[in-house]
Structures are given as structure tokens and as C-alpha cells.
Amino acid sequence: MIKLYGIPNCDTVKKARRWLDNQHLPYEFIDYRQQPLSETQLHDALQELSATKLLNNRSTTFRQLSESEKSNLDDAKTLQLLMQYPTLIKRPLLHSSLGYMVGFSESSYQHLQEQLA
């Protein structure tokens, strides 16, 4: 089962959901502001993707952080920030039996569909 994490009004999340719907791929959408990822899920995603791929450092939330919060971002500090501010997670975050993916591109989703078949 595919789980797609994001926020409903994000344009990239909308594109990903539209693509999954058009391909008739079953998935569960989870608004991570309402249903945050667990510490274990975030830890696993960080280990698989890295902080630089998972942390949305161009977001409004990131820009509003203090300089001390933004500095020296190791995995432990990034994990704490992602738990405290779920909107710092790049969108969408997709989880399947093959692991985690972040962002949306038609070619990467097509590749995922082929691997899941």
C-alpha cells in the first residue's frame, strides 16, 4: 500500500494525487499537519533519504526559524525540527514497500509503478 504524506492545498501534492488517481494506484493520503509522522517513521525516512532531501529549507516555516535552530543541522536536530514542524518535510513524501520518495516527478512515479507491479 502506498502512503502519500503532505498537505492538501500544496500544488505538488495535488499533482501527485492526480497522477496516482489517473493510474488507478491505490494509496492513502495523510495530511501530516493533522496526523504527524511518528519519530520512527521520520527517523527511517531520514536514514533512507538524508536530511538534505527530506528537509524543505525553502519553506516559509524554515525561513521563520531562528538562526540557532537553522545552524548545525545534524540528523538528530533535523529529526526534532521535523517532529516539531511537520511542514518542514518536503512534499509530497511517499512511502511504499520499496521505501521513501520525496517530491513528485512523473518519471519517478512511473518507475515506482513499474517496480510495484
PDB file of N, CA and C in Angstrom:
ATOM      1  N   MET A   1       0.845  -1.193   0.000  1.00  0.00           N
ATOM      2  CA  MET A   1       0.000   0.000   0.000  1.00  0.00           C
ATOM      3  C   MET A   1       0.878   1.239   0.000  1.00  0.00           C
ATOM      4  N   ILE A   2       0.530   2.186  -0.828  1.00  0.00           N
ATOM      5  CA  ILE A   2       1.234   3.460  -0.901  1.00  0.00           C
ATOM      6  C   ILE A   2       0.601   4.417   0.098  1.00  0.00           C
ATOM      7  N   LYS A   3       1.468   5.126   0.828  1.00  0.00           N
ATOM      8  CA  LYS A   3       1.011   6.201   1.705  1.00  0.00           C
ATOM      9  C   LYS A   3       1.640   7.478   1.189  1.00  0.00           C
ATOM     10  N   LEU A   4       0.817   8.487   0.996  1.00  0.00           N
ATOM     11  CA  LEU A   4       1.270   9.768   0.491  1.00  0.00           C
ATOM     12  C   LEU A   4       1.040  10.801   1.586  1.00  0.00           C
ATOM     13  N   TYR A   5       2.134  11.393   2.064  1.00  0.00           N
ATOM     14  CA  TYR A   5       2.068  12.376   3.134  1.00  0.00           C
ATOM     15  C   TYR A   5       2.250  13.773   2.554  1.00  0.00           C
ATOM     16  N   GLY A   6       1.479  14.709   3.055  1.00  0.00           N
ATOM     17  CA  GLY A   6       1.607  16.083   2.600  1.00  0.00           C
ATOM     18  C   GLY A   6       0.522  16.941   3.191  1.00  0.00           C
ATOM     19  N   ILE A   7       0.280  18.064   2.551  1.00  0.00           N
ATOM     20  CA  ILE A   7      -0.829  18.932   2.936  1.00  0.00           C
ATOM     21  C   ILE A   7      -1.722  19.092   1.707  1.00  0.00           C
ATOM     22  N   PRO A   8      -3.030  19.078   1.903  1.00  0.00           N
ATOM     23  CA  PRO A   8      -3.958  19.014   0.779  1.00  0.00           C
ATOM     24  C   PRO A   8      -3.894  20.181  -0.200  1.00  0.00           C
ATOM     25  N   ASN A   9      -3.519  21.367   0.254  1.00  0.00           N
ATOM     26  CA  ASN A   9      -3.546  22.523  -0.641  1.00  0.00           C
ATOM     27  C   ASN A   9      -2.226  22.753  -1.385  1.00  0.00           C
ATOM     28  N   CYS A  10      -1.251  21.886  -1.198  1.00  0.00           N
ATOM     29  CA  CYS A  10       0.033  22.012  -1.890  1.00  0.00           C
ATOM     30  C   CYS A  10      -0.122  21.580  -3.352  1.00  0.00           C
ATOM     31  N   ASP A  11       0.329  22.412  -4.278  1.00  0.00           N
ATOM     32  CA  ASP A  11       0.189  22.109  -5.699  1.00  0.00           C
ATOM     33  C   ASP A  11       0.925  20.829  -6.098  1.00  0.00           C
ATOM     34  N   THR A  12       2.096  20.598  -5.541  1.00  0.00           N
ATOM     35  CA  THR A  12       2.857  19.390  -5.884  1.00  0.00           C
ATOM     36  C   THR A  12       2.157  18.147  -5.359  1.00  0.00           C
ATOM     37  N   VAL A  13       1.574  18.242  -4.189  1.00  0.00           N
ATOM     38  CA  VAL A  13       0.804  17.119  -3.638  1.00  0.00           C
ATOM     39  C   VAL A  13      -0.416  16.858  -4.522  1.00  0.00           C
ATOM     40  N   LYS A  14      -1.065  17.922  -4.969  1.00  0.00           N
ATOM     41  CA  LYS A  14      -2.223  17.761  -5.863  1.00  0.00           C
ATOM     42  C   LYS A  14      -1.829  17.051  -7.153  1.00  0.00           C
ATOM     43  N   LYS A  15      -0.672  17.399  -7.722  1.00  0.00           N
ATOM     44  CA  LYS A  15      -0.193  16.743  -8.940  1.00  0.00           C
ATOM     45  C   LYS A  15       0.063  15.259  -8.692  1.00  0.00           C
ATOM     46  N   ALA A  16       0.693  14.956  -7.566  1.00  0.00           N
ATOM     47  CA  ALA A  16       0.988  13.563  -7.233  1.00  0.00           C
ATOM     48  C   ALA A  16      -0.299  12.766  -7.050  1.00  0.00           C
ATOM     49  N   ARG A  17      -1.254  13.340  -6.335  1.00  0.00           N
ATOM     50  CA  ARG A  17      -2.521  12.647  -6.119  1.00  0.00           C
ATOM     51  C   ARG A  17      -3.270  12.437  -7.434  1.00  0.00           C
ATOM     52  N   ARG A  18      -3.270  13.453  -8.293  1.00  0.00           N
ATOM     53  CA  ARG A  18      -3.933  13.342  -9.595  1.00  0.00           C
ATOM     54  C   ARG A  18      -3.284  12.230 -10.422  1.00  0.00           C
ATOM     55  N   TRP A  19      -1.950  12.171 -10.400  1.00  0.00           N
ATOM     56  CA  TRP A  19      -1.242  11.145 -11.163  1.00  0.00           C
ATOM     57  C   TRP A  19      -1.593   9.747 -10.631  1.00  0.00           C
ATOM     58  N   LEU A  20      -1.554   9.579  -9.319  1.00  0.00           N
ATOM     59  CA  LEU A  20      -1.891   8.273  -8.722  1.00  0.00           C
ATOM     60  C   LEU A  20      -3.334   7.884  -9.049  1.00  0.00           C
ATOM     61  N   ASP A  21      -4.247   8.849  -8.973  1.00  0.00           N
ATOM     62  CA  ASP A  21      -5.654   8.587  -9.307  1.00  0.00           C
ATOM     63  C   ASP A  21      -5.795   8.177 -10.775  1.00  0.00           C
ATOM     64  N   ASN A  22      -5.125   8.887 -11.678  1.00  0.00           N
ATOM     65  CA  ASN A  22      -5.211   8.585 -13.105  1.00  0.00           C
ATOM     66  C   ASN A  22      -4.634   7.214 -13.450  1.00  0.00           C
ATOM     67  N   GLN A  23      -3.671   6.763 -12.655  1.00  0.00           N
ATOM     68  CA  GLN A  23      -3.073   5.447 -12.869  1.00  0.00           C
ATOM     69  C   GLN A  23      -3.836   4.343 -12.125  1.00  0.00           C
ATOM     70  N   HIS A  24      -4.852   4.726 -11.380  1.00  0.00           N
ATOM     71  CA  HIS A  24      -5.662   3.801 -10.584  1.00  0.00           C
ATOM     72  C   HIS A  24      -4.809   3.033  -9.573  1.00  0.00           C
ATOM     73  N   LEU A  25      -3.820   3.737  -9.023  1.00  0.00           N
ATOM     74  CA  LEU A  25      -2.986   3.137  -7.981  1.00  0.00           C
ATOM     75  C   LEU A  25      -3.619   3.443  -6.627  1.00  0.00           C
ATOM     76  N   PRO A  26      -3.918   2.423  -5.854  1.00  0.00           N
ATOM     77  CA  PRO A  26      -4.496   2.685  -4.530  1.00  0.00           C
ATOM     78  C   PRO A  26      -3.452   3.305  -3.599  1.00  0.00           C
ATOM     79  N   TYR A  27      -3.876   4.301  -2.856  1.00  0.00           N
ATOM     80  CA  TYR A  27      -2.984   4.949  -1.899  1.00  0.00           C
ATOM     81  C   TYR A  27      -3.821   5.557  -0.780  1.00  0.00           C
ATOM     82  N   GLU A  28      -3.155   5.820   0.306  1.00  0.00           N
ATOM     83  CA  GLU A  28      -3.777   6.512   1.426  1.00  0.00           C
ATOM     84  C   GLU A  28      -3.111   7.875   1.538  1.00  0.00           C
ATOM     85  N   PHE A  29      -3.917   8.931   1.535  1.00  0.00           N
ATOM     86  CA  PHE A  29      -3.367  10.274   1.712  1.00  0.00           C
ATOM     87  C   PHE A  29      -3.438  10.638   3.182  1.00  0.00           C
ATOM     88  N   ILE A  30      -2.318  11.145   3.693  1.00  0.00           N
ATOM     89  CA  ILE A  30      -2.247  11.545   5.099  1.00  0.00           C
ATOM     90  C   ILE A  30      -1.764  12.987   5.172  1.00  0.00           C
ATOM     91  N   ASP A  31      -2.616  13.835   5.727  1.00  0.00           N
ATOM     92  CA  ASP A  31      -2.261  15.231   5.964  1.00  0.00           C
ATOM     93  C   ASP A  31      -1.403  15.254   7.223  1.00  0.00           C
ATOM     94  N   TYR A  32      -0.112  15.511   7.054  1.00  0.00           N
ATOM     95  CA  TYR A  32       0.766  15.377   8.217  1.00  0.00           C
ATOM     96  C   TYR A  32       0.691  16.544   9.190  1.00  0.00           C
ATOM     97  N   ARG A  33      -0.127  17.520   8.907  1.00  0.00           N
ATOM     98  CA  ARG A  33      -0.400  18.525   9.935  1.00  0.00           C
ATOM     99  C   ARG A  33      -1.427  17.972  10.921  1.00  0.00           C
ATOM    100  N   GLN A  34      -2.335  17.152  10.420  1.00  0.00           N
ATOM    101  CA  GLN A  34      -3.382  16.580  11.267  1.00  0.00           C
ATOM    102  C   GLN A  34      -2.962  15.239  11.868  1.00  0.00           C
ATOM    103  N   GLN A  35      -2.136  14.511  11.150  1.00  0.00           N
ATOM    104  CA  GLN A  35      -1.702  13.186  11.577  1.00  0.00           C
ATOM    105  C   GLN A  35      -0.185  13.095  11.360  1.00  0.00           C
ATOM    106  N   PRO A  36       0.601  13.702  12.268  1.00  0.00           N
ATOM    107  CA  PRO A  36       2.049  13.759  12.067  1.00  0.00           C
ATOM    108  C   PRO A  36       2.691  12.366  12.003  1.00  0.00           C
ATOM    109  N   LEU A  37       3.790  12.297  11.273  1.00  0.00           N
ATOM    110  CA  LEU A  37       4.545  11.053  11.221  1.00  0.00           C
ATOM    111  C   LEU A  37       5.161  10.790  12.593  1.00  0.00           C
ATOM    112  N   SER A  38       5.327   9.538  12.915  1.00  0.00           N
ATOM    113  CA  SER A  38       5.934   9.181  14.197  1.00  0.00           C
ATOM    114  C   SER A  38       7.439   9.435  14.144  1.00  0.00           C
ATOM    115  N   GLU A  39       8.047   9.457  15.287  1.00  0.00           N
ATOM    116  CA  GLU A  39       9.502   9.632  15.359  1.00  0.00           C
ATOM    117  C   GLU A  39      10.205   8.508  14.595  1.00  0.00           C
ATOM    118  N   THR A  40       9.695   7.293  14.699  1.00  0.00           N
ATOM    119  CA  THR A  40      10.286   6.155  13.994  1.00  0.00           C
ATOM    120  C   THR A  40      10.180   6.334  12.482  1.00  0.00           C
ATOM    121  N   GLN A  41       9.020   6.754  12.007  1.00  0.00           N
ATOM    122  CA  GLN A  41       8.843   6.980  10.564  1.00  0.00           C
ATOM    123  C   GLN A  41       9.794   8.065  10.066  1.00  0.00           C
ATOM    124  N   LEU A  42       9.886   9.166  10.800  1.00  0.00           N
ATOM    125  CA  LEU A  42      10.777  10.252  10.391  1.00  0.00           C
ATOM    126  C   LEU A  42      12.235   9.811  10.438  1.00  0.00           C
ATOM    127  N   HIS A  43      12.590   9.054  11.450  1.00  0.00           N
ATOM    128  CA  HIS A  43      13.959   8.543  11.553  1.00  0.00           C
ATOM    129  C   HIS A  43      14.277   7.658  10.354  1.00  0.00           C
ATOM    130  N   ASP A  44      13.362   6.758  10.022  1.00  0.00           N
ATOM    131  CA  ASP A  44      13.563   5.867   8.875  1.00  0.00           C
ATOM    132  C   ASP A  44      13.693   6.651   7.568  1.00  0.00           C
ATOM    133  N   ALA A  45      12.839   7.644   7.396  1.00  0.00           N
ATOM    134  CA  ALA A  45      12.892   8.473   6.181  1.00  0.00           C
ATOM    135  C   ALA A  45      14.207   9.240   6.116  1.00  0.00           C
ATOM    136  N   LEU A  46      14.654   9.769   7.245  1.00  0.00           N
ATOM    137  CA  LEU A  46      15.936  10.477   7.287  1.00  0.00           C
ATOM    138  C   LEU A  46      17.094   9.557   6.938  1.00  0.00           C
ATOM    139  N   GLN A  47      17.069   8.349   7.464  1.00  0.00           N
ATOM    140  CA  GLN A  47      18.148   7.398   7.194  1.00  0.00           C
ATOM    141  C   GLN A  47      18.183   7.024   5.712  1.00  0.00           C
ATOM    142  N   GLU A  48      17.020   6.887   5.123  1.00  0.00           N
ATOM    143  CA  GLU A  48      16.927   6.468   3.726  1.00  0.00           C
ATOM    144  C   GLU A  48      17.198   7.612   2.755  1.00  0.00           C
ATOM    145  N   LEU A  49      16.679   8.798   3.058  1.00  0.00           N
ATOM    146  CA  LEU A  49      16.741   9.909   2.109  1.00  0.00           C
ATOM    147  C   LEU A  49      17.841  10.924   2.396  1.00  0.00           C
ATOM    148  N   SER A  50      18.181  11.124   3.618  1.00  0.00           N
ATOM    149  CA  SER A  50      19.120  12.136   4.126  1.00  0.00           C
ATOM    150  C   SER A  50      18.362  13.424   4.457  1.00  0.00           C
ATOM    151  N   ALA A  51      18.948  14.173   5.364  1.00  0.00           N
ATOM    152  CA  ALA A  51      18.320  15.423   5.819  1.00  0.00           C
ATOM    153  C   ALA A  51      18.203  16.428   4.693  1.00  0.00           C
ATOM    154  N   THR A  52      19.185  16.477   3.808  1.00  0.00           N
ATOM    155  CA  THR A  52      19.149  17.469   2.733  1.00  0.00           C
ATOM    156  C   THR A  52      18.002  17.203   1.759  1.00  0.00           C
ATOM    157  N   LYS A  53      17.610  15.955   1.592  1.00  0.00           N
ATOM    158  CA  LYS A  53      16.486  15.646   0.712  1.00  0.00           C
ATOM    159  C   LYS A  53      15.143  15.790   1.406  1.00  0.00           C
ATOM    160  N   LEU A  54      15.087  15.513   2.708  1.00  0.00           N
ATOM    161  CA  LEU A  54      13.815  15.500   3.422  1.00  0.00           C
ATOM    162  C   LEU A  54      13.410  16.874   3.965  1.00  0.00           C
ATOM    163  N   LEU A  55      14.376  17.681   4.344  1.00  0.00           N
ATOM    164  CA  LEU A  55      14.100  18.982   4.956  1.00  0.00           C
ATOM    165  C   LEU A  55      13.864  20.040   3.882  1.00  0.00           C
ATOM    166  N   ASN A  56      12.711  20.686   3.945  1.00  0.00           N
ATOM    167  CA  ASN A  56      12.362  21.735   2.997  1.00  0.00           C
ATOM    168  C   ASN A  56      12.905  23.061   3.506  1.00  0.00           C
ATOM    169  N   ASN A  57      14.148  23.364   3.121  1.00  0.00           N
ATOM    170  CA  ASN A  57      14.776  24.589   3.630  1.00  0.00           C
ATOM    171  C   ASN A  57      14.387  25.830   2.817  1.00  0.00           C
ATOM    172  N   ARG A  58      13.446  25.684   1.886  1.00  0.00           N
ATOM    173  CA  ARG A  58      12.923  26.847   1.145  1.00  0.00           C
ATOM    174  C   ARG A  58      11.520  27.219   1.624  1.00  0.00           C
ATOM    175  N   SER A  59      11.024  26.516   2.618  1.00  0.00           N
ATOM    176  CA  SER A  59       9.658  26.763   3.084  1.00  0.00           C
ATOM    177  C   SER A  59       9.581  28.007   3.957  1.00  0.00           C
ATOM    178  N   THR A  60       8.377  28.531   4.049  1.00  0.00           N
ATOM    179  CA  THR A  60       8.119  29.662   4.938  1.00  0.00           C
ATOM    180  C   THR A  60       8.455  29.287   6.375  1.00  0.00           C
ATOM    181  N   THR A  61       8.101  28.080   6.761  1.00  0.00           N
ATOM    182  CA  THR A  61       8.383  27.623   8.133  1.00  0.00           C
ATOM    183  C   THR A  61       9.878  27.662   8.412  1.00  0.00           C
ATOM    184  N   PHE A  62      10.687  27.187   7.468  1.00  0.00           N
ATOM    185  CA  PHE A  62      12.136  27.177   7.674  1.00  0.00           C
ATOM    186  C   PHE A  62      12.667  28.604   7.790  1.00  0.00           C
ATOM    187  N   ARG A  63      12.199  29.489   6.938  1.00  0.00           N
ATOM    188  CA  ARG A  63      12.668  30.871   6.975  1.00  0.00           C
ATOM    189  C   ARG A  63      12.305  31.561   8.292  1.00  0.00           C
ATOM    190  N   GLN A  64      11.245  31.094   8.944  1.00  0.00           N
ATOM    191  CA  GLN A  64      10.811  31.697  10.199  1.00  0.00           C
ATOM    192  C   GLN A  64      11.552  31.142  11.417  1.00  0.00           C
ATOM    193  N   LEU A  65      12.348  30.090  11.223  1.00  0.00           N
ATOM    194  CA  LEU A  65      13.117  29.529  12.339  1.00  0.00           C
ATOM    195  C   LEU A  65      14.207  30.504  12.766  1.00  0.00           C
ATOM    196  N   SER A  66      14.608  30.403  14.018  1.00  0.00           N
ATOM    197  CA  SER A  66      15.716  31.236  14.492  1.00  0.00           C
ATOM    198  C   SER A  66      17.022  30.742  13.869  1.00  0.00           C
ATOM    199  N   GLU A  67      18.017  31.595  13.879  1.00  0.00           N
ATOM    200  CA  GLU A  67      19.323  31.202  13.325  1.00  0.00           C
ATOM    201  C   GLU A  67      19.906  30.022  14.085  1.00  0.00           C
ATOM    202  N   SER A  68      19.678  29.959  15.387  1.00  0.00           N
ATOM    203  CA  SER A  68      20.214  28.834  16.164  1.00  0.00           C
ATOM    204  C   SER A  68      19.522  27.520  15.784  1.00  0.00           C
ATOM    205  N   GLU A  69      18.235  27.591  15.440  1.00  0.00           N
ATOM    206  CA  GLU A  69      17.530  26.385  15.009  1.00  0.00           C
ATOM    207  C   GLU A  69      18.038  25.914  13.645  1.00  0.00           C
ATOM    208  N   LYS A  70      18.406  26.854  12.783  1.00  0.00           N
ATOM    209  CA  LYS A  70      18.853  26.522  11.428  1.00  0.00           C
ATOM    210  C   LYS A  70      20.317  26.070  11.376  1.00  0.00           C
ATOM    211  N   SER A  71      21.090  26.394  12.389  1.00  0.00           N
ATOM    212  CA  SER A  71      22.526  26.107  12.342  1.00  0.00           C
ATOM    213  C   SER A  71      22.839  24.699  12.834  1.00  0.00           C
ATOM    214  N   ASN A  72      23.933  24.160  12.325  1.00  0.00           N
ATOM    215  CA  ASN A  72      24.440  22.836  12.731  1.00  0.00           C
ATOM    216  C   ASN A  72      23.373  21.755  12.654  1.00  0.00           C
ATOM    217  N   LEU A  73      22.755  21.620  11.500  1.00  0.00           N
ATOM    218  CA  LEU A  73      21.662  20.661  11.334  1.00  0.00           C
ATOM    219  C   LEU A  73      22.195  19.249  11.080  1.00  0.00           C
ATOM    220  N   ASP A  74      22.407  18.515  12.145  1.00  0.00           N
ATOM    221  CA  ASP A  74      22.730  17.102  12.001  1.00  0.00           C
ATOM    222  C   ASP A  74      21.415  16.320  11.974  1.00  0.00           C
ATOM    223  N   ASP A  75      21.497  15.007  11.829  1.00  0.00           N
ATOM    224  CA  ASP A  75      20.277  14.202  11.730  1.00  0.00           C
ATOM    225  C   ASP A  75      19.393  14.316  12.974  1.00  0.00           C
ATOM    226  N   ALA A  76      20.008  14.336  14.154  1.00  0.00           N
ATOM    227  CA  ALA A  76      19.227  14.399  15.394  1.00  0.00           C
ATOM    228  C   ALA A  76      18.460  15.724  15.496  1.00  0.00           C
ATOM    229  N   LYS A  77      19.131  16.819  15.166  1.00  0.00           N
ATOM    230  CA  LYS A  77      18.484  18.132  15.230  1.00  0.00           C
ATOM    231  C   LYS A  77      17.406  18.245  14.149  1.00  0.00           C
ATOM    232  N   THR A  78      17.696  17.725  12.967  1.00  0.00           N
ATOM    233  CA  THR A  78      16.711  17.739  11.886  1.00  0.00           C
ATOM    234  C   THR A  78      15.485  16.942  12.277  1.00  0.00           C
ATOM    235  N   LEU A  79      15.685  15.777  12.880  1.00  0.00           N
ATOM    236  CA  LEU A  79      14.567  14.944  13.321  1.00  0.00           C
ATOM    237  C   LEU A  79      13.682  15.709  14.297  1.00  0.00           C
ATOM    238  N   GLN A  80      14.271  16.390  15.251  1.00  0.00           N
ATOM    239  CA  GLN A  80      13.498  17.157  16.222  1.00  0.00           C
ATOM    240  C   GLN A  80      12.711  18.285  15.546  1.00  0.00           C
ATOM    241  N   LEU A  81      13.344  18.969  14.588  1.00  0.00           N
ATOM    242  CA  LEU A  81      12.642  20.037  13.865  1.00  0.00           C
ATOM    243  C   LEU A  81      11.470  19.492  13.060  1.00  0.00           C
ATOM    244  N   LEU A  82      11.676  18.351  12.385  1.00  0.00           N
ATOM    245  CA  LEU A  82      10.603  17.750  11.585  1.00  0.00           C
ATOM    246  C   LEU A  82       9.444  17.292  12.455  1.00  0.00           C
ATOM    247  N   MET A  83       9.753  16.835  13.655  1.00  0.00           N
ATOM    248  CA  MET A  83       8.687  16.424  14.573  1.00  0.00           C
ATOM    249  C   MET A  83       7.925  17.648  15.081  1.00  0.00           C
ATOM    250  N   GLN A  84       8.646  18.717  15.360  1.00  0.00           N
ATOM    251  CA  GLN A  84       8.022  19.924  15.886  1.00  0.00           C
ATOM    252  C   GLN A  84       7.270  20.701  14.808  1.00  0.00           C
ATOM    253  N   TYR A  85       7.817  20.709  13.582  1.00  0.00           N
ATOM    254  CA  TYR A  85       7.238  21.472  12.472  1.00  0.00           C
ATOM    255  C   TYR A  85       7.066  20.553  11.255  1.00  0.00           C
ATOM    256  N   PRO A  86       5.980  19.798  11.183  1.00  0.00           N
ATOM    257  CA  PRO A  86       5.798  18.858  10.066  1.00  0.00           C
ATOM    258  C   PRO A  86       5.856  19.500   8.686  1.00  0.00           C
ATOM    259  N   THR A  87       5.526  20.799   8.584  1.00  0.00           N
ATOM    260  CA  THR A  87       5.554  21.441   7.270  1.00  0.00           C
ATOM    261  C   THR A  87       6.986  21.663   6.767  1.00  0.00           C
ATOM    262  N   LEU A  88       7.979  21.297   7.556  1.00  0.00           N
ATOM    263  CA  LEU A  88       9.363  21.340   7.080  1.00  0.00           C
ATOM    264  C   LEU A  88       9.701  20.129   6.209  1.00  0.00           C
ATOM    265  N   ILE A  89       8.806  19.155   6.167  1.00  0.00           N
ATOM    266  CA  ILE A  89       9.034  17.964   5.345  1.00  0.00           C
ATOM    267  C   ILE A  89       8.725  18.323   3.892  1.00  0.00           C
ATOM    268  N   LYS A  90       9.662  18.029   2.989  1.00  0.00           N
ATOM    269  CA  LYS A  90       9.398  18.278   1.568  1.00  0.00           C
ATOM    270  C   LYS A  90       8.184  17.481   1.149  1.00  0.00           C
ATOM    271  N   ARG A  91       7.435  18.058   0.204  1.00  0.00           N
ATOM    272  CA  ARG A  91       6.183  17.444  -0.202  1.00  0.00           C
ATOM    273  C   ARG A  91       6.213  17.054  -1.673  1.00  0.00           C
ATOM    274  N   PRO A  92       5.449  16.013  -1.951  1.00  0.00           N
ATOM    275  CA  PRO A  92       4.905  15.025  -1.024  1.00  0.00           C
ATOM    276  C   PRO A  92       5.976  14.023  -0.611  1.00  0.00           C
ATOM    277  N   LEU A  93       5.720  13.364   0.489  1.00  0.00           N
ATOM    278  CA  LEU A  93       6.548  12.250   0.939  1.00  0.00           C
ATOM    279  C   LEU A  93       5.740  10.993   0.681  1.00  0.00           C
ATOM    280  N   LEU A  94       6.287  10.105  -0.129  1.00  0.00           N
ATOM    281  CA  LEU A  94       5.588   8.873  -0.491  1.00  0.00           C
ATOM    282  C   LEU A  94       6.311   7.706   0.155  1.00  0.00           C
ATOM    283  N   HIS A  95       5.549   6.800   0.748  1.00  0.00           N
ATOM    284  CA  HIS A  95       6.123   5.589   1.329  1.00  0.00           C
ATOM    285  C   HIS A  95       5.423   4.377   0.732  1.00  0.00           C
ATOM    286  N   SER A  96       6.226   3.431   0.283  1.00  0.00           N
ATOM    287  CA  SER A  96       5.698   2.172  -0.251  1.00  0.00           C
ATOM    288  C   SER A  96       6.582   1.041   0.260  1.00  0.00           C
ATOM    289  N   SER A  97       6.295  -0.164  -0.189  1.00  0.00           N
ATOM    290  CA  SER A  97       7.115  -1.308   0.208  1.00  0.00           C
ATOM    291  C   SER A  97       8.550  -1.167  -0.289  1.00  0.00           C
ATOM    292  N   LEU A  98       8.778  -0.269  -1.221  1.00  0.00           N
ATOM    293  CA  LEU A  98      10.125  -0.044  -1.765  1.00  0.00           C
ATOM    294  C   LEU A  98      10.882   1.043  -1.013  1.00  0.00           C
ATOM    295  N   GLY A  99      10.214   1.723  -0.088  1.00  0.00           N
ATOM    296  CA  GLY A  99      10.874   2.758   0.692  1.00  0.00           C
ATOM    297  C   GLY A  99      10.218   4.108   0.513  1.00  0.00           C
ATOM    298  N   TYR A 100      11.011   5.150   0.770  1.00  0.00           N
ATOM    299  CA  TYR A 100      10.531   6.532   0.735  1.00  0.00           C
ATOM    300  C   TYR A 100      10.981   7.249  -0.528  1.00  0.00           C
ATOM    301  N   MET A 101      10.131   8.149  -0.985  1.00  0.00           N
ATOM    302  CA  MET A 101      10.442   9.071  -2.082  1.00  0.00           C
ATOM    303  C   MET A 101       9.937  10.443  -1.656  1.00  0.00           C
ATOM    304  N   VAL A 102      10.611  11.481  -2.110  1.00  0.00           N
ATOM    305  CA  VAL A 102      10.167  12.834  -1.787  1.00  0.00           C
ATOM    306  C   VAL A 102      10.019  13.624  -3.081  1.00  0.00           C
ATOM    307  N   GLY A 103       9.019  14.508  -3.104  1.00  0.00           N
ATOM    308  CA  GLY A 103       8.758  15.297  -4.296  1.00  0.00           C
ATOM    309  C   GLY A 103       7.903  14.517  -5.283  1.00  0.00           C
ATOM    310  N   PHE A 104       7.664  15.134  -6.428  1.00  0.00           N
ATOM    311  CA  PHE A 104       6.891  14.461  -7.464  1.00  0.00           C
ATOM    312  C   PHE A 104       7.519  14.719  -8.816  1.00  0.00           C
ATOM    313  N   SER A 105       7.715  13.643  -9.538  1.00  0.00           N
ATOM    314  CA  SER A 105       8.022  13.727 -10.972  1.00  0.00           C
ATOM    315  C   SER A 105       7.328  12.535 -11.606  1.00  0.00           C
ATOM    316  N   GLU A 106       6.755  12.778 -12.756  1.00  0.00           N
ATOM    317  CA  GLU A 106       6.013  11.722 -13.429  1.00  0.00           C
ATOM    318  C   GLU A 106       6.907  10.511 -13.705  1.00  0.00           C
ATOM    319  N   SER A 107       8.157  10.749 -14.095  1.00  0.00           N
ATOM    320  CA  SER A 107       9.054   9.628 -14.417  1.00  0.00           C
ATOM    321  C   SER A 107       9.394   8.795 -13.181  1.00  0.00           C
ATOM    322  N   SER A 108       9.613   9.441 -12.038  1.00  0.00           N
ATOM    323  CA  SER A 108       9.931   8.664 -10.836  1.00  0.00           C
ATOM    324  C   SER A 108       8.710   7.888 -10.347  1.00  0.00           C
ATOM    325  N   TYR A 109       7.516   8.462 -10.476  1.00  0.00           N
ATOM    326  CA  TYR A 109       6.307   7.750 -10.081  1.00  0.00           C
ATOM    327  C   TYR A 109       6.021   6.602 -11.058  1.00  0.00           C
ATOM    328  N   GLN A 110       6.298   6.826 -12.334  1.00  0.00           N
ATOM    329  CA  GLN A 110       6.123   5.763 -13.326  1.00  0.00           C
ATOM    330  C   GLN A 110       7.064   4.602 -13.001  1.00  0.00           C
ATOM    331  N   HIS A 111       8.302   4.923 -12.667  1.00  0.00           N
ATOM    332  CA  HIS A 111       9.283   3.901 -12.299  1.00  0.00           C
ATOM    333  C   HIS A 111       8.808   3.127 -11.058  1.00  0.00           C
ATOM    334  N   LEU A 112       8.286   3.840 -10.074  1.00  0.00           N
ATOM    335  CA  LEU A 112       7.746   3.193  -8.884  1.00  0.00           C
ATOM    336  C   LEU A 112       6.613   2.249  -9.249  1.00  0.00           C
ATOM    337  N   GLN A 113       5.708   2.718 -10.114  1.00  0.00           N
ATOM    338  CA  GLN A 113       4.573   1.877 -10.528  1.00  0.00           C
ATOM    339  C   GLN A 113       5.091   0.595 -11.188  1.00  0.00           C
ATOM    340  N   GLU A 114       6.078   0.694 -12.019  1.00  0.00           N
ATOM    341  CA  GLU A 114       6.639  -0.479 -12.686  1.00  0.00           C
ATOM    342  C   GLU A 114       7.265  -1.450 -11.689  1.00  0.00           C
ATOM    343  N   GLN A 115       7.962  -0.905 -10.680  1.00  0.00           N
ATOM    344  CA  GLN A 115       8.591  -1.763  -9.681  1.00  0.00           C
ATOM    345  C   GLN A 115       7.573  -2.431  -8.771  1.00  0.00           C
ATOM    346  N   LEU A 116       6.456  -1.762  -8.535  1.00  0.00           N
ATOM    347  CA  LEU A 116       5.427  -2.329  -7.660  1.00  0.00           C
ATOM    348  C   LEU A 116       4.576  -3.379  -8.375  1.00  0.00           C
ATOM    349  N   ALA A 117       4.587  -3.375  -9.697  1.00  0.00           N
ATOM    350  CA  ALA A 117       3.735  -4.306 -10.479  1.00  0.00           C
ATOM    351  C   ALA A 117       4.197  -5.740 -10.335  1.00  0.00           C
TER     352      ALA A 117
END
